[in-house]
Protein backbone atom coordinates (compact mmCIF):
# COMPACT_ATOMS: atom_id res chain seq x y z
CA MET A 1 16.47 13.85 -5.34
CA SER A 2 13.86 14.26 -2.53
CA ALA A 3 10.25 13.06 -2.64
CA THR A 4 6.90 14.11 -1.33
CA ALA A 5 5.00 11.43 0.56
CA ILE A 6 1.18 11.43 0.11
CA ILE A 7 -0.45 9.20 2.76
CA LEU A 8 -3.93 8.05 1.67
CA GLY A 9 -6.55 7.39 4.21
CA ARG A 10 -10.37 7.79 3.84
CA ALA A 11 -12.83 7.64 6.59
CA GLY A 12 -15.03 4.87 5.27
CA SER A 13 -14.17 1.24 5.46
CA LYS A 14 -16.48 -1.82 5.50
CA GLY A 15 -13.95 -4.51 6.36
CA VAL A 16 -12.52 -2.66 9.60
CA PRO A 17 -14.58 0.39 10.48
CA GLY A 18 -12.38 3.33 11.29
CA LYS A 19 -9.19 1.35 10.67
CA ASN A 20 -7.00 4.37 10.07
CA THR A 21 -7.65 5.56 13.66
CA ARG A 22 -7.94 2.26 15.35
CA ALA A 23 -5.28 1.78 17.97
CA VAL A 24 -2.47 -0.51 17.27
CA ALA A 25 0.06 -1.11 20.05
CA GLY A 26 -1.36 1.98 21.73
CA ARG A 27 -1.18 4.46 18.83
CA PRO A 28 -3.61 5.27 16.03
CA CYS A 29 -2.93 2.95 13.12
CA ALA A 30 -2.03 6.01 10.70
CA ALA A 31 0.57 7.24 13.19
CA TRP A 32 2.87 4.32 12.43
CA THR A 33 2.75 5.25 8.61
CA ILE A 34 3.21 8.98 9.35
CA GLU A 35 6.23 8.13 11.58
CA ALA A 36 7.82 5.84 8.88
CA ALA A 37 7.38 8.56 6.26
CA ARG A 38 8.97 11.27 8.42
CA ALA A 39 11.87 8.87 9.22
CA ALA A 40 12.60 8.43 5.55
CA GLN A 41 15.72 10.35 4.50
CA ARG A 42 14.58 10.97 0.99
CA VAL A 43 11.18 12.33 2.05
CA PRO A 44 11.28 15.87 3.46
CA ARG A 45 7.58 16.64 3.05
CA VAL A 46 4.69 14.35 4.31
CA VAL A 47 1.06 15.13 3.37
CA VAL A 48 -2.14 13.30 4.33
CA SER A 49 -5.07 13.17 2.01
CA THR A 50 -8.25 12.34 3.79
CA ASP A 51 -11.92 13.10 4.51
CA ASP A 52 -11.60 11.90 8.07
CA PRO A 53 -11.68 14.66 10.79
CA ALA A 54 -9.84 12.41 13.26
CA LEU A 55 -7.06 11.54 10.90
CA THR A 56 -6.81 15.21 9.87
CA THR A 57 -6.32 16.16 13.59
CA LEU A 58 -3.69 13.39 13.95
CA ALA A 59 -1.75 14.39 10.81
CA ARG A 60 -1.52 17.99 11.86
CA SER A 61 -0.50 17.14 15.48
CA MET A 62 2.39 15.13 13.82
CA GLY A 63 3.59 18.10 11.71
CA CYS A 64 1.98 16.86 8.37
CA ASP A 65 0.07 19.07 5.83
CA VAL A 66 -3.40 17.86 5.05
CA VAL A 67 -5.25 17.74 1.66
CA GLU A 68 -9.01 17.64 2.29
CA ARG A 69 -10.34 14.79 0.00
CA PRO A 70 -13.69 15.55 -1.61
CA ALA A 71 -16.63 13.11 -1.15
CA ASP A 72 -16.35 11.71 -4.65
CA LEU A 73 -12.78 10.64 -4.06
CA ALA A 74 -13.56 9.06 -0.64
CA SER A 75 -16.20 6.54 -1.68
CA ASP A 76 -15.98 2.76 -1.97
CA THR A 77 -15.51 3.09 -5.79
CA ALA A 78 -12.99 5.85 -5.63
CA THR A 79 -9.44 4.86 -6.95
CA VAL A 80 -6.16 5.38 -5.12
CA ASP A 81 -4.55 7.05 -8.07
CA ALA A 82 -7.52 9.55 -8.43
CA ALA A 83 -7.02 10.58 -4.86
CA ALA A 84 -3.39 10.93 -5.25
CA ARG A 85 -3.70 12.98 -8.47
CA HIS A 86 -6.13 15.24 -6.52
CA ALA A 87 -3.52 15.73 -3.77
CA ALA A 88 -0.67 16.28 -6.18
CA ARG A 89 -2.61 18.97 -8.05
CA SER A 90 -3.82 20.58 -4.78
CA LEU A 91 -0.14 20.78 -3.53
CA GLY A 92 1.21 22.04 -6.90
CA LEU A 93 3.82 19.46 -6.82
CA GLY A 94 6.59 19.57 -9.50
CA ASN A 95 8.54 16.92 -11.05
CA ASP A 96 10.35 15.27 -7.85
CA PRO A 97 9.28 11.79 -7.08
CA ILE A 98 6.04 11.02 -5.26
CA VAL A 99 5.61 8.33 -2.70
CA LEU A 100 2.19 6.88 -1.97
CA LEU A 101 1.57 5.23 1.33
CA TYR A 102 -1.51 3.79 2.75
CA ALA A 103 -2.60 4.93 6.20
CA ASN A 104 -3.72 1.45 7.18
CA VAL A 105 -0.20 -0.02 7.07
CA PRO A 106 1.33 0.15 10.52
CA VAL A 107 4.04 -2.27 9.90
CA ARG A 108 6.64 -1.88 7.15
CA PRO A 109 10.46 -2.60 7.25
CA SER A 110 12.85 0.18 8.19
CA GLY A 111 14.28 1.77 5.07
CA LEU A 112 11.76 0.50 2.59
CA ILE A 113 10.48 3.89 1.51
CA ASP A 114 14.07 5.15 0.93
CA ARG A 115 14.91 2.00 -1.14
CA ALA A 116 11.90 2.51 -3.36
CA VAL A 117 12.73 6.21 -4.04
CA GLU A 118 16.39 5.32 -4.63
CA LEU A 119 15.49 2.68 -7.20
CA LEU A 120 13.17 5.06 -8.95
CA VAL A 121 15.83 7.73 -9.29
CA ARG A 122 18.64 5.43 -10.08
CA SER A 123 16.89 3.40 -12.78
CA GLY A 124 14.82 6.28 -14.27
CA CYS A 125 11.83 3.99 -14.21
CA ASP A 126 8.24 5.11 -13.94
CA SER A 127 7.33 3.42 -10.66
CA VAL A 128 8.54 1.17 -7.93
CA GLN A 129 6.21 -0.99 -5.77
CA SER A 130 7.08 -3.19 -2.85
CA TYR A 131 6.44 -6.92 -3.05
CA GLU A 132 6.70 -9.96 -0.75
CA ARG A 133 7.53 -13.43 -2.05
CA VAL A 134 4.63 -15.73 -1.89
CA GLY A 135 4.94 -18.89 0.13
CA LYS A 136 2.26 -21.46 0.44
CA HIS A 137 -0.43 -19.24 -1.11
CA HIS A 138 1.42 -19.55 -4.52
CA PRO A 139 -0.80 -19.24 -7.57
CA TRP A 140 0.13 -22.84 -8.78
CA TRP A 141 -1.57 -24.19 -5.71
CA MET A 142 -4.93 -22.32 -6.36
CA VAL A 143 -7.83 -24.50 -7.44
CA ARG A 144 -11.32 -24.06 -8.67
CA LEU A 145 -13.87 -25.58 -6.19
CA ASP A 146 -17.41 -26.41 -7.16
CA GLU A 147 -19.25 -25.38 -3.94
CA SER A 148 -22.30 -27.47 -4.77
CA THR A 149 -20.55 -30.69 -5.34
CA GLY A 150 -17.10 -30.25 -3.65
CA ALA A 151 -15.28 -31.11 -6.95
CA VAL A 152 -11.79 -29.64 -7.25
CA GLY A 153 -9.96 -28.76 -10.41
CA PRO A 154 -6.83 -26.82 -11.53
CA TRP A 155 -7.19 -22.96 -11.54
CA GLU A 156 -5.27 -23.13 -14.85
CA GLY A 157 -4.12 -25.72 -17.05
CA ASP A 158 -4.90 -29.52 -16.83
CA VAL A 159 -2.81 -30.63 -13.87
CA LEU A 160 -3.84 -29.90 -10.25
CA ASN A 161 -1.13 -27.94 -8.41
CA HIS A 162 0.96 -27.96 -11.61
CA GLY A 163 2.21 -31.31 -10.32
CA VAL A 164 4.15 -29.58 -7.52
CA TYR A 165 3.55 -30.75 -3.95
CA ARG A 166 6.72 -29.38 -2.11
CA ARG A 167 6.82 -25.61 -1.39
CA GLN A 168 10.49 -25.44 -2.14
CA ASP A 169 9.85 -26.73 -5.68
CA LEU A 170 7.62 -23.76 -6.50
CA PRO A 171 9.03 -21.09 -8.87
CA PRO A 172 9.46 -17.55 -7.20
CA ALA A 173 6.32 -15.56 -7.24
CA TYR A 174 5.69 -12.11 -5.73
CA LEU A 175 2.62 -10.24 -4.48
CA PRO A 176 2.34 -6.43 -3.93
CA ASP A 177 2.33 -6.05 -0.25
CA GLY A 178 1.15 -2.46 0.17
CA GLY A 179 4.27 -1.19 1.72
CA VAL A 180 5.13 1.60 -0.60
CA ILE A 181 4.66 3.03 -4.12
CA ALA A 182 7.14 5.40 -5.40
CA LEU A 183 6.52 6.98 -8.86
CA THR A 184 7.14 9.86 -11.02
CA ARG A 185 4.61 12.75 -11.42
CA ARG A 186 4.25 11.96 -15.08
CA ALA A 187 3.26 8.44 -14.23
CA LEU A 188 0.86 9.48 -11.61
CA MET A 189 -0.73 12.03 -14.03
CA LEU A 190 -1.07 9.29 -16.71
CA GLU A 191 1.21 11.03 -19.07
CA ILE A 192 3.18 7.99 -19.93
CA ASP A 193 2.82 6.85 -23.59
CA GLY A 194 1.81 3.26 -23.82
CA ALA A 195 0.62 2.77 -20.20
CA GLY A 196 -2.78 1.90 -21.42
CA ASP A 197 -6.12 2.79 -19.78
CA GLY A 198 -6.48 0.20 -17.02
CA PRO A 199 -6.66 0.65 -13.35
CA HIS A 200 -2.97 0.32 -13.04
CA ALA A 201 -2.02 2.81 -15.78
CA PHE A 202 -0.72 5.19 -13.17
CA PHE A 203 2.32 2.84 -12.74
CA GLY A 204 3.49 3.72 -16.15
CA VAL A 205 5.36 1.32 -18.61
CA ASP A 206 8.65 0.75 -16.85
CA ARG A 207 7.64 -0.79 -13.54
CA ARG A 208 10.14 -1.91 -10.93
CA GLY A 209 9.82 -3.81 -7.65
CA THR A 210 11.61 -3.74 -4.31
CA LEU A 211 11.33 -6.92 -2.09
CA SER A 212 10.17 -6.91 1.53
CA PRO A 213 11.04 -9.77 3.85
CA GLU A 214 8.30 -12.22 4.30
CA GLY A 215 5.75 -10.92 6.91
CA SER A 216 7.50 -7.49 7.27
CA VAL A 217 4.48 -5.52 5.89
CA ILE A 218 1.03 -5.77 7.48
CA ASP A 219 -1.78 -4.15 5.57
CA ILE A 220 -4.85 -3.77 7.84
CA ASP A 221 -7.89 -5.26 5.94
CA SER A 222 -9.36 -7.46 8.72
CA GLU A 223 -9.52 -7.80 12.49
CA THR A 224 -6.92 -10.54 12.16
CA ASP A 225 -4.51 -8.19 10.57
CA LEU A 226 -4.89 -5.86 13.57
CA HIS A 227 -3.93 -8.76 15.92
CA ARG A 228 -0.95 -9.65 13.78
CA ALA A 229 0.17 -5.96 14.00
CA GLU A 230 -0.30 -5.81 17.67
CA LEU A 231 1.94 -8.96 18.07
CA VAL A 232 4.62 -7.47 15.97
CA LEU A 233 4.58 -3.97 17.46
CA GLY A 234 4.33 -5.40 20.99
CA GLY A 235 1.25 -3.64 22.34
CA PRO A 236 -2.02 -4.98 23.89
CA PRO A 237 -5.22 -4.83 21.89
CA GLN A 238 -6.94 -1.41 22.13
CA ALA A 239 -10.25 -0.02 21.11
CA ARG A 240 -10.69 2.61 18.48
CA ILE A 241 -9.28 5.91 19.32
CA ALA A 242 -11.93 8.64 18.57
């Protein structure tokens, strides 16, 4: 079963202004995501949802359809799933799987998108999201810090660090890495009974995960992330591409 990829990239960003069109290794950031989507065997159609004229031009130059995102779905408070639902309705998508990709993720492992779609179809679940195993930033090592006194206490429970001081003794924990979300149209459209009303209701009830190797996905949310992506992709730092 084939899927339609919807790449989400709005113009506004407070953390990294213009991050979707910032150059990473000599190419606009979003170009790496478009290329990854077009390389996926399970994704014959790639669409970009955006309010950014520069991203619109880039997307069309790379053979993608574009859904013009209205202003109310491109604000700081607009949700990812609302923008994706707008795109799906605009495209008149049927019941084939939908892949959501963020334009500001220039680095993701080869084959990740296909693995997510394959798991979605094979398992019959509502959604598949990519995860990275947590290392030293494990939740058991989180603390509460009183900034006025410097006093430190456990984030949860009564024992600081859960009594664990070696990384290898931590139980496995996983964090969404932003690499891919594959889901059914029914899940995206909030048609799954029991999914609730929360911000993650569009994942449905039967939620699965696919594992990315540590550090293999880079989601650009800071200038530091841009430098990391440059190192991985092997290009010199560049200024924004207009």
